[in-house]
N, C-alpha and C. Protein backbone atom coordinates (compact mmCIF):
# COMPACT_ATOMS: atom_id res chain seq x y z
N UNK A 1 -145.00 179.06 123.52
CA UNK A 1 -145.26 180.10 122.55
C UNK A 1 -146.66 180.65 122.83
N UNK A 2 -146.75 181.97 122.96
CA UNK A 2 -148.05 182.57 123.22
C UNK A 2 -148.83 182.74 121.91
N UNK A 3 -150.07 183.21 122.00
CA UNK A 3 -150.94 183.31 120.83
C UNK A 3 -150.40 184.27 119.78
N UNK A 4 -149.82 185.39 120.21
CA UNK A 4 -149.27 186.35 119.26
C UNK A 4 -148.07 185.76 118.52
N UNK A 5 -147.18 185.07 119.23
CA UNK A 5 -146.03 184.44 118.61
C UNK A 5 -146.48 183.34 117.65
N UNK A 6 -147.49 182.59 118.04
CA UNK A 6 -148.00 181.54 117.15
C UNK A 6 -148.56 182.15 115.87
N UNK A 7 -149.27 183.25 115.98
CA UNK A 7 -149.81 183.93 114.80
C UNK A 7 -148.67 184.40 113.90
N UNK A 8 -147.62 184.98 114.49
CA UNK A 8 -146.48 185.44 113.72
C UNK A 8 -145.80 184.28 112.99
N UNK A 9 -145.65 183.17 113.70
CA UNK A 9 -145.03 182.00 113.09
C UNK A 9 -145.87 181.47 111.94
N UNK A 10 -147.18 181.37 112.14
CA UNK A 10 -148.07 180.89 111.07
C UNK A 10 -148.02 181.82 109.86
N UNK A 11 -147.97 183.12 110.09
CA UNK A 11 -147.87 184.07 108.98
C UNK A 11 -146.55 183.90 108.24
N UNK A 12 -145.48 183.72 108.98
CA UNK A 12 -144.18 183.49 108.36
C UNK A 12 -144.21 182.23 107.49
N UNK A 13 -144.74 181.14 108.03
CA UNK A 13 -144.79 179.88 107.29
C UNK A 13 -145.65 180.05 106.04
N UNK A 14 -146.78 180.70 106.15
CA UNK A 14 -147.65 180.90 105.00
C UNK A 14 -146.96 181.73 103.92
N UNK A 15 -146.21 182.73 104.33
CA UNK A 15 -145.57 183.62 103.37
C UNK A 15 -144.33 183.01 102.73
N UNK A 16 -143.57 182.21 103.45
CA UNK A 16 -142.26 181.77 102.96
C UNK A 16 -142.14 180.29 102.68
N UNK A 17 -143.16 179.49 102.95
CA UNK A 17 -143.01 178.04 102.82
C UNK A 17 -142.74 177.58 101.39
N UNK A 18 -143.29 178.24 100.40
CA UNK A 18 -143.05 177.83 99.01
C UNK A 18 -141.56 177.98 98.65
N UNK A 19 -140.99 179.12 98.98
CA UNK A 19 -139.58 179.36 98.70
C UNK A 19 -138.70 178.39 99.50
N UNK A 20 -139.06 178.18 100.76
CA UNK A 20 -138.28 177.26 101.60
C UNK A 20 -138.38 175.83 101.09
N UNK A 21 -139.55 175.44 100.60
CA UNK A 21 -139.72 174.09 100.05
C UNK A 21 -138.85 173.92 98.81
N UNK A 22 -138.79 174.94 97.98
CA UNK A 22 -137.94 174.88 96.79
C UNK A 22 -136.47 174.69 97.19
N UNK A 23 -136.04 175.41 98.20
CA UNK A 23 -134.68 175.25 98.69
C UNK A 23 -134.45 173.84 99.22
N UNK A 24 -135.40 173.33 99.98
CA UNK A 24 -135.27 171.98 100.54
C UNK A 24 -135.20 170.95 99.42
N UNK A 25 -136.01 171.14 98.37
CA UNK A 25 -135.96 170.23 97.22
C UNK A 25 -134.58 170.26 96.58
N UNK A 26 -134.04 171.45 96.37
CA UNK A 26 -132.73 171.55 95.74
C UNK A 26 -131.63 170.95 96.62
N UNK A 27 -131.77 171.04 97.92
CA UNK A 27 -130.78 170.45 98.82
C UNK A 27 -130.85 168.93 98.82
N UNK A 28 -132.06 168.37 98.68
CA UNK A 28 -132.23 166.92 98.76
C UNK A 28 -132.29 166.25 97.40
N UNK A 29 -132.79 166.98 96.39
CA UNK A 29 -132.96 166.38 95.06
C UNK A 29 -134.24 165.58 94.92
N UNK A 30 -135.13 165.67 95.91
CA UNK A 30 -136.37 164.90 95.89
C UNK A 30 -137.45 165.70 96.61
N UNK A 31 -138.64 165.78 96.00
CA UNK A 31 -139.71 166.59 96.58
C UNK A 31 -140.16 166.04 97.93
N UNK A 32 -140.33 164.74 98.06
CA UNK A 32 -140.80 164.18 99.33
C UNK A 32 -139.77 164.36 100.44
N UNK A 33 -138.52 164.11 100.12
CA UNK A 33 -137.47 164.34 101.12
C UNK A 33 -137.36 165.82 101.45
N UNK A 34 -137.58 166.67 100.46
CA UNK A 34 -137.56 168.11 100.68
C UNK A 34 -138.68 168.54 101.63
N UNK A 35 -139.87 167.96 101.44
CA UNK A 35 -140.98 168.28 102.35
C UNK A 35 -140.66 167.82 103.77
N UNK A 36 -140.10 166.63 103.90
CA UNK A 36 -139.71 166.14 105.23
C UNK A 36 -138.65 167.04 105.86
N UNK A 37 -137.68 167.43 105.05
CA UNK A 37 -136.61 168.29 105.55
C UNK A 37 -137.18 169.64 106.00
N UNK A 38 -138.07 170.22 105.21
CA UNK A 38 -138.68 171.49 105.58
C UNK A 38 -139.50 171.34 106.85
N UNK A 39 -140.25 170.26 106.96
CA UNK A 39 -141.06 170.03 108.16
C UNK A 39 -140.16 169.95 109.40
N UNK A 40 -139.04 169.26 109.27
CA UNK A 40 -138.10 169.15 110.38
C UNK A 40 -137.55 170.53 110.77
N UNK A 41 -137.17 171.32 109.76
CA UNK A 41 -136.62 172.65 110.04
C UNK A 41 -137.67 173.57 110.65
N UNK A 42 -138.90 173.51 110.16
CA UNK A 42 -139.96 174.36 110.71
C UNK A 42 -140.34 173.94 112.13
N UNK A 43 -140.32 172.64 112.41
CA UNK A 43 -140.60 172.18 113.77
C UNK A 43 -139.53 172.69 114.73
N UNK A 44 -138.28 172.64 114.28
CA UNK A 44 -137.19 173.15 115.09
C UNK A 44 -137.34 174.66 115.31
N UNK A 45 -137.72 175.36 114.27
CA UNK A 45 -137.90 176.81 114.37
C UNK A 45 -139.07 177.15 115.29
N UNK A 46 -140.14 176.39 115.21
CA UNK A 46 -141.32 176.65 116.06
C UNK A 46 -140.94 176.53 117.54
N UNK A 47 -140.12 175.54 117.85
CA UNK A 47 -139.70 175.36 119.25
C UNK A 47 -138.86 176.54 119.74
N UNK A 48 -138.12 177.16 118.83
CA UNK A 48 -137.21 178.25 119.20
C UNK A 48 -137.77 179.63 118.87
N UNK A 49 -138.97 179.71 118.32
CA UNK A 49 -139.53 180.96 117.81
C UNK A 49 -139.49 182.10 118.83
N UNK A 50 -139.89 181.81 120.06
CA UNK A 50 -139.94 182.88 121.06
C UNK A 50 -138.54 183.33 121.50
N UNK A 51 -137.52 182.54 121.18
CA UNK A 51 -136.15 182.87 121.57
C UNK A 51 -135.33 183.49 120.45
N UNK A 52 -135.90 183.60 119.26
CA UNK A 52 -135.14 184.19 118.15
C UNK A 52 -134.85 185.65 118.47
N UNK A 53 -133.61 186.02 118.36
CA UNK A 53 -133.20 187.39 118.70
C UNK A 53 -133.71 188.39 117.67
N UNK A 54 -133.48 188.10 116.42
CA UNK A 54 -133.83 189.04 115.36
C UNK A 54 -135.11 188.58 114.69
N UNK A 55 -136.22 189.11 115.15
CA UNK A 55 -137.53 188.72 114.63
C UNK A 55 -137.75 189.19 113.20
N UNK A 56 -136.90 190.10 112.72
CA UNK A 56 -137.05 190.60 111.36
C UNK A 56 -136.47 189.63 110.33
N UNK A 57 -135.61 188.71 110.76
CA UNK A 57 -134.95 187.81 109.83
C UNK A 57 -135.06 186.35 110.25
N UNK A 58 -136.24 185.82 110.47
CA UNK A 58 -136.33 184.41 110.87
C UNK A 58 -135.98 183.46 109.72
N UNK A 59 -136.03 183.95 108.50
CA UNK A 59 -135.75 183.08 107.36
C UNK A 59 -134.32 182.58 107.38
N UNK A 60 -133.40 183.40 107.81
CA UNK A 60 -132.00 182.95 107.91
C UNK A 60 -131.90 181.79 108.89
N UNK A 61 -132.61 181.89 110.00
CA UNK A 61 -132.60 180.80 110.98
C UNK A 61 -133.16 179.52 110.36
N UNK A 62 -134.26 179.64 109.62
CA UNK A 62 -134.88 178.46 109.01
C UNK A 62 -133.96 177.86 107.95
N UNK A 63 -133.35 178.71 107.15
CA UNK A 63 -132.44 178.19 106.11
C UNK A 63 -131.23 177.50 106.74
N UNK A 64 -130.75 178.06 107.82
CA UNK A 64 -129.65 177.40 108.54
C UNK A 64 -130.12 176.05 109.08
N UNK A 65 -131.34 176.02 109.61
CA UNK A 65 -131.91 174.76 110.12
C UNK A 65 -132.07 173.75 108.99
N UNK A 66 -132.48 174.20 107.81
CA UNK A 66 -132.59 173.31 106.64
C UNK A 66 -131.24 172.70 106.31
N UNK A 67 -130.24 173.54 106.21
CA UNK A 67 -128.91 173.06 105.87
C UNK A 67 -128.39 172.05 106.90
N UNK A 68 -128.51 172.38 108.17
CA UNK A 68 -127.99 171.49 109.20
C UNK A 68 -128.81 170.20 109.29
N UNK A 69 -130.11 170.29 109.10
CA UNK A 69 -130.94 169.08 109.10
C UNK A 69 -130.55 168.17 107.93
N UNK A 70 -130.24 168.77 106.79
CA UNK A 70 -129.82 167.97 105.64
C UNK A 70 -128.48 167.29 105.90
N UNK A 71 -127.55 168.02 106.49
CA UNK A 71 -126.25 167.42 106.82
C UNK A 71 -126.43 166.28 107.82
N UNK A 72 -127.25 166.50 108.86
CA UNK A 72 -127.50 165.45 109.85
C UNK A 72 -128.16 164.25 109.20
N UNK A 73 -129.13 164.50 108.34
CA UNK A 73 -129.84 163.42 107.65
C UNK A 73 -128.87 162.63 106.78
N UNK A 74 -127.98 163.32 106.09
CA UNK A 74 -127.00 162.66 105.24
C UNK A 74 -126.08 161.77 106.07
N UNK A 75 -125.67 162.27 107.21
CA UNK A 75 -124.78 161.48 108.07
C UNK A 75 -125.47 160.21 108.56
N UNK A 76 -126.75 160.32 108.90
CA UNK A 76 -127.48 159.16 109.39
C UNK A 76 -127.76 158.15 108.29
N UNK A 77 -128.04 158.62 107.09
CA UNK A 77 -128.46 157.73 106.01
C UNK A 77 -127.35 157.38 105.04
N UNK A 78 -126.15 157.90 105.22
CA UNK A 78 -125.11 157.72 104.22
C UNK A 78 -124.68 156.27 104.04
N UNK A 79 -124.81 155.45 105.05
CA UNK A 79 -124.37 154.07 104.91
C UNK A 79 -125.28 153.27 103.99
N UNK A 80 -126.53 153.61 103.85
CA UNK A 80 -127.46 152.86 103.01
C UNK A 80 -127.89 153.63 101.78
N UNK A 81 -127.07 154.54 101.34
CA UNK A 81 -127.44 155.43 100.24
C UNK A 81 -127.45 154.71 98.90
N UNK A 82 -128.41 155.07 98.07
CA UNK A 82 -128.49 154.50 96.73
C UNK A 82 -127.40 155.10 95.86
N UNK A 83 -127.02 154.36 94.84
CA UNK A 83 -126.02 154.88 93.91
C UNK A 83 -126.69 155.28 92.61
N UNK A 84 -126.17 156.31 92.00
CA UNK A 84 -126.70 156.81 90.74
C UNK A 84 -126.02 156.04 89.61
N UNK A 85 -126.80 155.63 88.61
CA UNK A 85 -126.23 154.94 87.46
C UNK A 85 -126.38 155.79 86.22
N UNK A 86 -125.58 155.49 85.22
CA UNK A 86 -125.63 156.24 83.96
C UNK A 86 -126.71 155.72 83.02
N UNK A 87 -127.24 154.53 83.29
CA UNK A 87 -128.23 153.92 82.42
C UNK A 87 -129.63 154.19 82.94
N UNK A 88 -130.47 154.74 82.07
CA UNK A 88 -131.86 154.96 82.44
C UNK A 88 -132.62 153.64 82.37
N UNK A 89 -133.59 153.42 83.25
CA UNK A 89 -134.30 152.14 83.23
C UNK A 89 -135.16 151.93 81.99
N UNK A 90 -135.66 152.99 81.39
CA UNK A 90 -136.45 152.86 80.18
C UNK A 90 -136.21 154.07 79.30
N UNK A 91 -136.35 153.90 78.01
CA UNK A 91 -136.13 154.97 77.05
C UNK A 91 -137.45 155.64 76.70
N UNK A 92 -137.48 156.97 76.55
CA UNK A 92 -138.71 157.65 76.16
C UNK A 92 -139.08 157.34 74.71
N UNK A 93 -140.36 157.43 74.39
CA UNK A 93 -140.82 157.18 73.04
C UNK A 93 -140.38 158.30 72.11
N UNK A 94 -140.39 158.03 70.82
CA UNK A 94 -139.97 159.02 69.83
C UNK A 94 -140.93 160.20 69.79
N UNK A 95 -142.22 159.99 70.11
CA UNK A 95 -143.19 161.07 70.08
C UNK A 95 -142.88 162.14 71.12
N UNK A 96 -142.40 161.76 72.24
CA UNK A 96 -142.14 162.69 73.33
C UNK A 96 -140.70 163.16 73.35
N UNK A 97 -140.03 163.15 72.20
CA UNK A 97 -138.60 163.45 72.15
C UNK A 97 -138.27 164.84 72.68
N UNK A 98 -139.01 165.87 72.29
CA UNK A 98 -138.68 167.22 72.73
C UNK A 98 -138.83 167.38 74.24
N UNK A 99 -139.97 166.98 74.76
CA UNK A 99 -140.21 167.07 76.20
C UNK A 99 -139.26 166.14 76.95
N UNK A 100 -139.04 164.98 76.40
CA UNK A 100 -138.15 164.02 77.05
C UNK A 100 -136.73 164.56 77.12
N UNK A 101 -136.29 165.24 76.06
CA UNK A 101 -134.95 165.83 76.09
C UNK A 101 -134.82 166.85 77.22
N UNK A 102 -135.86 167.65 77.39
CA UNK A 102 -135.85 168.64 78.46
C UNK A 102 -135.78 167.97 79.82
N UNK A 103 -136.55 166.92 79.99
CA UNK A 103 -136.56 166.19 81.26
C UNK A 103 -135.20 165.55 81.52
N UNK A 104 -134.63 164.93 80.50
CA UNK A 104 -133.32 164.29 80.66
C UNK A 104 -132.24 165.32 80.97
N UNK A 105 -132.30 166.47 80.32
CA UNK A 105 -131.33 167.52 80.60
C UNK A 105 -131.45 167.99 82.04
N UNK A 106 -132.69 168.17 82.50
CA UNK A 106 -132.90 168.58 83.88
C UNK A 106 -132.39 167.51 84.84
N UNK A 107 -132.63 166.25 84.50
CA UNK A 107 -132.14 165.16 85.35
C UNK A 107 -130.61 165.16 85.40
N UNK A 108 -129.98 165.43 84.27
CA UNK A 108 -128.51 165.49 84.25
C UNK A 108 -128.01 166.60 85.17
N UNK A 109 -128.65 167.74 85.11
CA UNK A 109 -128.24 168.86 85.95
C UNK A 109 -128.47 168.52 87.42
N UNK A 110 -129.65 167.96 87.74
CA UNK A 110 -129.94 167.60 89.14
C UNK A 110 -129.00 166.50 89.63
N UNK A 111 -128.67 165.55 88.76
CA UNK A 111 -127.73 164.49 89.15
C UNK A 111 -126.36 165.08 89.44
N UNK A 112 -125.92 166.01 88.60
CA UNK A 112 -124.63 166.67 88.84
C UNK A 112 -124.67 167.45 90.15
N UNK A 113 -125.78 168.11 90.42
CA UNK A 113 -125.93 168.85 91.67
C UNK A 113 -125.91 167.90 92.88
N UNK A 114 -126.56 166.76 92.75
CA UNK A 114 -126.58 165.78 93.86
C UNK A 114 -125.21 165.19 94.13
N UNK A 115 -124.34 165.16 93.12
CA UNK A 115 -123.00 164.59 93.32
C UNK A 115 -122.06 165.52 94.09
N UNK A 116 -122.45 166.77 94.20
CA UNK A 116 -121.62 167.72 94.93
C UNK A 116 -121.65 167.41 96.43
N UNK A 117 -120.57 167.71 97.13
CA UNK A 117 -120.62 167.62 98.59
C UNK A 117 -121.69 168.55 99.14
N UNK A 118 -122.18 168.26 100.32
CA UNK A 118 -123.32 168.98 100.89
C UNK A 118 -123.09 170.49 100.97
N UNK A 119 -121.94 170.92 101.43
CA UNK A 119 -121.71 172.36 101.57
C UNK A 119 -121.65 173.04 100.20
N UNK A 120 -120.99 172.40 99.23
CA UNK A 120 -120.93 172.98 97.90
C UNK A 120 -122.32 173.07 97.28
N UNK A 121 -123.12 172.03 97.48
CA UNK A 121 -124.48 172.05 96.95
C UNK A 121 -125.28 173.18 97.59
N UNK A 122 -125.14 173.35 98.89
CA UNK A 122 -125.86 174.41 99.59
C UNK A 122 -125.45 175.78 99.06
N UNK A 123 -124.16 175.98 98.82
CA UNK A 123 -123.69 177.26 98.30
C UNK A 123 -124.26 177.52 96.91
N UNK A 124 -124.25 176.52 96.05
CA UNK A 124 -124.79 176.68 94.70
C UNK A 124 -126.28 176.97 94.74
N UNK A 125 -127.02 176.24 95.56
CA UNK A 125 -128.46 176.46 95.66
C UNK A 125 -128.76 177.87 96.16
N UNK A 126 -128.08 178.27 97.22
CA UNK A 126 -128.34 179.59 97.78
C UNK A 126 -127.90 180.72 96.86
N UNK A 127 -126.79 180.53 96.17
CA UNK A 127 -126.28 181.60 95.31
C UNK A 127 -127.03 181.69 93.98
N UNK A 128 -127.18 180.58 93.29
CA UNK A 128 -127.69 180.65 91.92
C UNK A 128 -129.19 180.39 91.80
N UNK A 129 -129.74 179.59 92.67
CA UNK A 129 -131.17 179.33 92.59
C UNK A 129 -131.98 180.31 93.43
N UNK A 130 -131.38 180.80 94.51
CA UNK A 130 -132.08 181.75 95.36
C UNK A 130 -131.53 183.16 95.26
N UNK A 131 -130.45 183.33 94.52
CA UNK A 131 -129.86 184.65 94.27
C UNK A 131 -129.52 185.38 95.57
N UNK A 132 -128.89 184.68 96.48
CA UNK A 132 -128.51 185.28 97.77
C UNK A 132 -127.07 185.77 97.70
N UNK A 133 -126.76 186.87 98.37
CA UNK A 133 -125.38 187.38 98.38
C UNK A 133 -124.49 186.51 99.28
N UNK A 134 -123.19 186.63 99.05
CA UNK A 134 -122.22 185.83 99.81
C UNK A 134 -122.35 186.05 101.32
N UNK A 135 -122.61 187.29 101.74
CA UNK A 135 -122.71 187.56 103.17
C UNK A 135 -123.86 186.79 103.80
N UNK A 136 -124.99 186.73 103.10
CA UNK A 136 -126.14 186.00 103.64
C UNK A 136 -125.90 184.49 103.61
N UNK A 137 -125.27 184.00 102.55
CA UNK A 137 -124.94 182.57 102.47
C UNK A 137 -124.02 182.19 103.61
N UNK A 138 -123.02 183.05 103.87
CA UNK A 138 -122.09 182.78 104.97
C UNK A 138 -122.83 182.74 106.30
N UNK A 139 -123.78 183.65 106.49
CA UNK A 139 -124.56 183.67 107.74
C UNK A 139 -125.42 182.42 107.87
N UNK A 140 -126.04 182.01 106.78
CA UNK A 140 -126.91 180.83 106.81
C UNK A 140 -126.11 179.57 107.13
N UNK A 141 -124.96 179.42 106.47
CA UNK A 141 -124.15 178.20 106.65
C UNK A 141 -123.21 178.27 107.84
N UNK A 142 -123.05 179.46 108.40
CA UNK A 142 -122.16 179.60 109.55
C UNK A 142 -120.70 179.48 109.19
N UNK A 143 -120.31 180.01 108.01
CA UNK A 143 -118.93 179.96 107.55
C UNK A 143 -118.50 181.36 107.14
N UNK A 144 -117.23 181.51 106.81
CA UNK A 144 -116.70 182.79 106.35
C UNK A 144 -117.08 183.03 104.89
N UNK A 145 -117.07 184.30 104.48
CA UNK A 145 -117.39 184.62 103.09
C UNK A 145 -116.38 184.02 102.12
N UNK A 146 -115.13 183.95 102.53
CA UNK A 146 -114.11 183.33 101.69
C UNK A 146 -114.40 181.85 101.45
N UNK A 147 -114.93 181.19 102.47
CA UNK A 147 -115.30 179.78 102.32
C UNK A 147 -116.44 179.64 101.32
N UNK A 148 -117.39 180.57 101.36
CA UNK A 148 -118.50 180.54 100.39
C UNK A 148 -117.95 180.66 98.98
N UNK A 149 -117.04 181.61 98.76
CA UNK A 149 -116.48 181.81 97.42
C UNK A 149 -115.67 180.60 96.97
N UNK A 150 -114.86 180.03 97.85
CA UNK A 150 -114.05 178.89 97.44
C UNK A 150 -114.92 177.66 97.18
N UNK A 151 -115.95 177.46 97.99
CA UNK A 151 -116.86 176.33 97.77
C UNK A 151 -117.64 176.51 96.46
N UNK A 152 -118.03 177.75 96.15
CA UNK A 152 -118.73 178.01 94.88
C UNK A 152 -117.80 177.71 93.70
N UNK A 153 -116.55 178.13 93.80
CA UNK A 153 -115.60 177.87 92.73
C UNK A 153 -115.40 176.38 92.51
N UNK A 154 -115.17 175.65 93.59
CA UNK A 154 -114.98 174.20 93.48
C UNK A 154 -116.22 173.51 92.91
N UNK A 155 -117.39 173.95 93.35
CA UNK A 155 -118.64 173.36 92.87
C UNK A 155 -118.83 173.61 91.38
N UNK A 156 -118.56 174.83 90.93
CA UNK A 156 -118.72 175.15 89.51
C UNK A 156 -117.76 174.36 88.64
N UNK A 157 -116.53 174.18 89.11
CA UNK A 157 -115.57 173.37 88.36
C UNK A 157 -116.09 171.94 88.25
N UNK A 158 -116.58 171.41 89.35
CA UNK A 158 -117.12 170.05 89.36
C UNK A 158 -118.34 169.92 88.45
N UNK A 159 -119.25 170.89 88.52
CA UNK A 159 -120.44 170.86 87.66
C UNK A 159 -120.07 170.94 86.18
N UNK A 160 -119.12 171.80 85.85
CA UNK A 160 -118.69 171.91 84.45
C UNK A 160 -118.13 170.59 83.95
N UNK A 161 -117.29 169.97 84.78
CA UNK A 161 -116.68 168.70 84.40
C UNK A 161 -117.74 167.61 84.23
N UNK A 162 -118.63 167.51 85.18
CA UNK A 162 -119.67 166.49 85.14
C UNK A 162 -120.59 166.68 83.95
N UNK A 163 -121.03 167.91 83.71
CA UNK A 163 -121.95 168.15 82.60
C UNK A 163 -121.26 168.03 81.24
N UNK A 164 -119.99 168.34 81.17
CA UNK A 164 -119.26 168.14 79.92
C UNK A 164 -119.15 166.65 79.61
N UNK A 165 -118.96 165.84 80.64
CA UNK A 165 -118.89 164.39 80.45
C UNK A 165 -120.25 163.81 80.08
N UNK A 166 -121.33 164.46 80.56
CA UNK A 166 -122.69 163.97 80.26
C UNK A 166 -123.08 164.24 78.82
N UNK A 167 -122.43 165.17 78.18
CA UNK A 167 -122.74 165.47 76.79
C UNK A 167 -123.13 166.91 76.59
N UNK A 168 -123.17 167.33 75.34
CA UNK A 168 -123.45 168.74 75.04
C UNK A 168 -124.88 169.15 75.36
N UNK A 169 -125.83 168.23 75.36
CA UNK A 169 -127.22 168.62 75.61
C UNK A 169 -127.42 169.13 77.03
N UNK A 170 -126.75 168.54 78.01
CA UNK A 170 -126.90 168.98 79.40
C UNK A 170 -126.28 170.35 79.60
N UNK A 171 -125.09 170.55 79.03
CA UNK A 171 -124.43 171.84 79.19
C UNK A 171 -125.20 172.94 78.46
N UNK A 172 -125.74 172.63 77.31
CA UNK A 172 -126.50 173.63 76.54
C UNK A 172 -127.77 174.03 77.27
N UNK A 173 -128.43 173.09 77.89
CA UNK A 173 -129.70 173.40 78.55
C UNK A 173 -129.49 174.27 79.77
N UNK A 174 -128.41 174.05 80.51
CA UNK A 174 -128.22 174.84 81.73
C UNK A 174 -127.84 176.27 81.42
N UNK A 175 -127.11 176.50 80.33
CA UNK A 175 -126.77 177.87 79.99
C UNK A 175 -127.93 178.54 79.28
N UNK A 176 -128.72 177.78 78.54
CA UNK A 176 -129.85 178.36 77.82
C UNK A 176 -130.99 178.72 78.78
N UNK A 177 -131.02 178.10 79.93
CA UNK A 177 -132.11 178.37 80.87
C UNK A 177 -131.98 179.74 81.52
N UNK A 178 -130.80 180.35 81.41
CA UNK A 178 -130.61 181.67 81.99
C UNK A 178 -130.25 181.61 83.46
N UNK A 179 -130.14 180.44 84.03
CA UNK A 179 -129.80 180.32 85.44
C UNK A 179 -128.34 180.60 85.68
N UNK A 180 -127.49 180.26 84.70
CA UNK A 180 -126.08 180.53 84.84
C UNK A 180 -125.39 179.63 85.83
N UNK A 181 -125.89 178.42 86.01
CA UNK A 181 -125.32 177.52 87.00
C UNK A 181 -123.91 177.14 86.64
N UNK A 182 -123.64 176.92 85.36
CA UNK A 182 -122.30 176.50 84.99
C UNK A 182 -121.56 177.55 84.17
N UNK A 183 -122.17 178.67 83.96
CA UNK A 183 -121.52 179.70 83.13
C UNK A 183 -120.50 180.46 83.94
């Protein structure tokens, strides 16, 4: 990579890293794993930067790298994966009830999101959290637009079922947030 390409790459990372980190967090469900995932995707992109055909849209390449790195990581780590339980290790105090309810509701939504298969989770994150159109999601994931729509439908059905089983507080918080994840 020459000096001009390195400058372009650094500018891209400075401008888009916050949004990309948010996507990585939503794909992994954990900030530290999200940072690692983003670092992996950016390292891969840096190696290929001078070969990218469309210099106007490097973000699609990075998002595709994020998705594929997450799938690869899941395949490598799936045998030793932790299991999610319904019981919280400790109960919040009565003083922090309002804030604690918000945190628990968010945890319920994130837990439901983590239970989705990787492709469905990626579609939901890209569509509802990043507000990307189906054509761009299809390009990022390397699938057809029909696959994006069917995966979104299956994911929403699963999220509705999971959040309904978790109780009315989780379903109410996700629709009240204006995100429309389960609406």
